[in-house]
Amino acid sequence: MNILVADDLEIYRLALKLYIHKHWTDAVVYEASTMFEVAEDVFDVEFDLLILDINMPGTELLEDFVSKATNYTKVIIFSDLDKDDKRVENLIKIGADAFLPKSSKRVDIISTFQLVFSERES
């Protein structure tokens, strides 16, 4: 399983990586700090999941990217915005599989991953 965690803050990337490896030891986790890096990495690896921060450099084109990426992989939007924010709502509407607030507890993060992975296998 290949997962890309994209956030401009290293602490969030590291935390998500730890949660992923604790529950899915066979996962290979890649990191990116900008949407430009995401766009480059997406062509090099077949990802099972993209976890994308909504507020990192280059996200002005996030909606276009997500609308295309959801055709071949799962996408979780990771943000400190509220789930009722118009941009979050739009990303879910165009195909993002889940929204994960940065303030989520570990159990909620893991359950979101499990939900998205179970949908992938359905």
C-alpha atoms as a PDB file:
ATOM      1  CA  MET A   1       0.000   0.000   0.000  1.00  0.00           C
ATOM      2  CA  ASN A   2       1.417   3.384  -1.053  1.00  0.00           C
ATOM      3  CA  ILE A   3       0.286   6.520   0.735  1.00  0.00           C
ATOM      4  CA  LEU A   4       1.293  10.124   0.119  1.00  0.00           C
ATOM      5  CA  VAL A   5       1.030  12.555   3.039  1.00  0.00           C
ATOM      6  CA  ALA A   6       1.201  16.164   1.860  1.00  0.00           C
ATOM      7  CA  ASP A   7       1.400  19.017   4.349  1.00  0.00           C
ATOM      8  CA  ASP A   8       3.723  22.000   4.541  1.00  0.00           C
ATOM      9  CA  LEU A   9       4.257  21.370   8.273  1.00  0.00           C
ATOM     10  CA  GLU A  10       6.584  18.476   8.985  1.00  0.00           C
ATOM     11  CA  ILE A  11       5.023  17.743  12.391  1.00  0.00           C
ATOM     12  CA  TYR A  12       1.694  16.817  10.761  1.00  0.00           C
ATOM     13  CA  ARG A  13       3.396  14.619   8.169  1.00  0.00           C
ATOM     14  CA  LEU A  14       5.322  12.809  10.883  1.00  0.00           C
ATOM     15  CA  ALA A  15       2.261  12.302  13.081  1.00  0.00           C
ATOM     16  CA  LEU A  16       0.215  10.851  10.233  1.00  0.00           C
ATOM     17  CA  LYS A  17       3.112   8.641   9.216  1.00  0.00           C
ATOM     18  CA  LEU A  18       3.357   7.251  12.753  1.00  0.00           C
ATOM     19  CA  TYR A  19      -0.368   6.478  12.871  1.00  0.00           C
ATOM     20  CA  ILE A  20      -0.242   4.798   9.482  1.00  0.00           C
ATOM     21  CA  HIS A  21       2.793   2.644  10.299  1.00  0.00           C
ATOM     22  CA  LYS A  22       1.373   1.638  13.654  1.00  0.00           C
ATOM     23  CA  HIS A  23      -1.771   0.208  12.053  1.00  0.00           C
ATOM     24  CA  TRP A  24      -0.565  -0.722   8.553  1.00  0.00           C
ATOM     25  CA  THR A  25       3.031  -1.870   8.937  1.00  0.00           C
ATOM     26  CA  ASP A  26       3.364  -2.778   5.262  1.00  0.00           C
ATOM     27  CA  ALA A  27       2.423   0.732   4.086  1.00  0.00           C
ATOM     28  CA  VAL A  28       5.001   2.785   2.242  1.00  0.00           C
ATOM     29  CA  VAL A  29       4.486   6.436   3.164  1.00  0.00           C
ATOM     30  CA  TYR A  30       5.782   9.218   0.946  1.00  0.00           C
ATOM     31  CA  GLU A  31       5.885  12.857   1.995  1.00  0.00           C
ATOM     32  CA  ALA A  32       5.388  16.148   0.185  1.00  0.00           C
ATOM     33  CA  SER A  33       5.304  19.698   1.506  1.00  0.00           C
ATOM     34  CA  THR A  34       3.739  21.439  -1.511  1.00  0.00           C
ATOM     35  CA  MET A  35       1.208  20.642  -4.220  1.00  0.00           C
ATOM     36  CA  PHE A  36       4.039  20.991  -6.712  1.00  0.00           C
ATOM     37  CA  GLU A  37       5.794  18.015  -5.069  1.00  0.00           C
ATOM     38  CA  VAL A  38       2.512  16.095  -5.036  1.00  0.00           C
ATOM     39  CA  ALA A  39       2.049  16.673  -8.757  1.00  0.00           C
ATOM     40  CA  GLU A  40       5.580  15.371  -9.421  1.00  0.00           C
ATOM     41  CA  ASP A  41       5.253  12.300  -7.156  1.00  0.00           C
ATOM     42  CA  VAL A  42       1.857  11.274  -8.493  1.00  0.00           C
ATOM     43  CA  PHE A  43       3.408  10.267 -11.803  1.00  0.00           C
ATOM     44  CA  ASP A  44       6.204   8.232 -10.209  1.00  0.00           C
ATOM     45  CA  VAL A  45       4.221   5.981  -7.854  1.00  0.00           C
ATOM     46  CA  GLU A  46       0.801   4.347  -7.938  1.00  0.00           C
ATOM     47  CA  PHE A  47      -0.791   5.645  -4.735  1.00  0.00           C
ATOM     48  CA  ASP A  48      -3.611   3.953  -2.850  1.00  0.00           C
ATOM     49  CA  LEU A  49      -4.280   7.105  -0.844  1.00  0.00           C
ATOM     50  CA  LEU A  50      -3.425  10.793  -0.976  1.00  0.00           C
ATOM     51  CA  ILE A  51      -3.746  12.829   2.221  1.00  0.00           C
ATOM     52  CA  LEU A  52      -3.717  16.476   1.173  1.00  0.00           C
ATOM     53  CA  ASP A  53      -3.514  19.591   3.309  1.00  0.00           C
ATOM     54  CA  ILE A  54      -5.872  22.230   1.985  1.00  0.00           C
ATOM     55  CA  ASN A  55      -3.536  25.128   2.909  1.00  0.00           C
ATOM     56  CA  MET A  56      -0.054  24.432   1.626  1.00  0.00           C
ATOM     57  CA  PRO A  57       1.893  26.118  -1.175  1.00  0.00           C
ATOM     58  CA  GLY A  58       0.359  25.421  -4.564  1.00  0.00           C
ATOM     59  CA  THR A  59      -3.146  24.551  -3.407  1.00  0.00           C
ATOM     60  CA  GLU A  60      -4.761  27.205  -5.571  1.00  0.00           C
ATOM     61  CA  LEU A  61      -5.221  24.362  -8.085  1.00  0.00           C
ATOM     62  CA  LEU A  62      -6.218  21.751  -5.502  1.00  0.00           C
ATOM     63  CA  GLU A  63      -9.785  21.424  -6.790  1.00  0.00           C
ATOM     64  CA  ASP A  64      -8.622  20.582 -10.323  1.00  0.00           C
ATOM     65  CA  PHE A  65      -6.067  18.130  -8.993  1.00  0.00           C
ATOM     66  CA  VAL A  66      -8.559  16.352  -6.698  1.00  0.00           C
ATOM     67  CA  SER A  67     -11.182  16.060  -9.428  1.00  0.00           C
ATOM     68  CA  LYS A  68      -8.643  14.177 -11.565  1.00  0.00           C
ATOM     69  CA  ALA A  69      -6.912  12.212  -8.793  1.00  0.00           C
ATOM     70  CA  THR A  70     -10.147  10.688  -7.493  1.00  0.00           C
ATOM     71  CA  ASN A  71     -10.471   8.797 -10.776  1.00  0.00           C
ATOM     72  CA  TYR A  72      -7.583   6.539  -9.784  1.00  0.00           C
ATOM     73  CA  THR A  73      -7.004   6.808  -6.025  1.00  0.00           C
ATOM     74  CA  LYS A  74      -8.583   7.703  -2.691  1.00  0.00           C
ATOM     75  CA  VAL A  75      -8.174  11.259  -1.369  1.00  0.00           C
ATOM     76  CA  ILE A  76      -8.490  12.557   2.180  1.00  0.00           C
ATOM     77  CA  ILE A  77      -8.568  16.322   2.697  1.00  0.00           C
ATOM     78  CA  PHE A  78      -6.567  17.234   5.806  1.00  0.00           C
ATOM     79  CA  SER A  79      -7.153  20.704   7.197  1.00  0.00           C
ATOM     80  CA  ASP A  80      -7.517  23.052  10.111  1.00  0.00           C
ATOM     81  CA  LEU A  81     -10.591  24.485   8.380  1.00  0.00           C
ATOM     82  CA  ASP A  82     -14.083  23.558   9.520  1.00  0.00           C
ATOM     83  CA  LYS A  83     -15.886  20.826   7.581  1.00  0.00           C
ATOM     84  CA  ASP A  84     -18.568  23.384   6.707  1.00  0.00           C
ATOM     85  CA  ASP A  85     -16.049  25.645   4.988  1.00  0.00           C
ATOM     86  CA  LYS A  86     -17.057  26.172   1.340  1.00  0.00           C
ATOM     87  CA  ARG A  87     -13.708  24.947   0.024  1.00  0.00           C
ATOM     88  CA  VAL A  88     -13.895  21.713   2.042  1.00  0.00           C
ATOM     89  CA  GLU A  89     -17.495  21.161   0.944  1.00  0.00           C
ATOM     90  CA  ASN A  90     -16.503  21.698  -2.688  1.00  0.00           C
ATOM     91  CA  LEU A  91     -13.615  19.201  -2.480  1.00  0.00           C
ATOM     92  CA  ILE A  92     -15.945  16.569  -1.036  1.00  0.00           C
ATOM     93  CA  LYS A  93     -18.529  17.350  -3.720  1.00  0.00           C
ATOM     94  CA  ILE A  94     -15.999  16.860  -6.529  1.00  0.00           C
ATOM     95  CA  GLY A  95     -14.877  13.508  -5.182  1.00  0.00           C
ATOM     96  CA  ALA A  96     -12.614  13.628  -2.116  1.00  0.00           C
ATOM     97  CA  ASP A  97     -13.375  10.525  -0.046  1.00  0.00           C
ATOM     98  CA  ALA A  98     -13.131  12.090   3.392  1.00  0.00           C
ATOM     99  CA  PHE A  99     -12.330  15.180   5.391  1.00  0.00           C
ATOM    100  CA  LEU A 100      -9.960  14.894   8.337  1.00  0.00           C
ATOM    101  CA  PRO A 101      -9.607  17.874  10.684  1.00  0.00           C
ATOM    102  CA  LYS A 102      -6.088  18.475  11.967  1.00  0.00           C
ATOM    103  CA  SER A 103      -7.543  18.584  15.463  1.00  0.00           C
ATOM    104  CA  SER A 104      -8.773  14.969  15.196  1.00  0.00           C
ATOM    105  CA  LYS A 105      -7.958  12.472  17.915  1.00  0.00           C
ATOM    106  CA  ARG A 106      -5.908   9.411  17.017  1.00  0.00           C
ATOM    107  CA  VAL A 107      -8.946   7.132  17.126  1.00  0.00           C
ATOM    108  CA  ASP A 108     -10.793   9.381  14.649  1.00  0.00           C
ATOM    109  CA  ILE A 109      -7.806   9.481  12.315  1.00  0.00           C
ATOM    110  CA  ILE A 110      -7.523   5.696  12.301  1.00  0.00           C
ATOM    111  CA  SER A 111     -11.269   5.214  11.808  1.00  0.00           C
ATOM    112  CA  THR A 112     -11.196   7.640   8.851  1.00  0.00           C
ATOM    113  CA  PHE A 113      -8.345   5.658   7.269  1.00  0.00           C
ATOM    114  CA  GLN A 114     -10.182   2.385   7.879  1.00  0.00           C
ATOM    115  CA  LEU A 115     -13.357   3.761   6.326  1.00  0.00           C
ATOM    116  CA  VAL A 116     -11.536   4.971   3.231  1.00  0.00           C
ATOM    117  CA  PHE A 117      -9.594   1.709   2.869  1.00  0.00           C
ATOM    118  CA  SER A 118     -12.753  -0.380   3.284  1.00  0.00           C
ATOM    119  CA  GLU A 119     -14.461   1.679   0.564  1.00  0.00           C
ATOM    120  CA  ARG A 120     -11.452   1.080  -1.682  1.00  0.00           C
ATOM    121  CA  GLU A 121     -11.806  -2.682  -1.284  1.00  0.00           C
ATOM    122  CA  SER A 122     -15.584  -2.636  -1.921  1.00  0.00           C
END
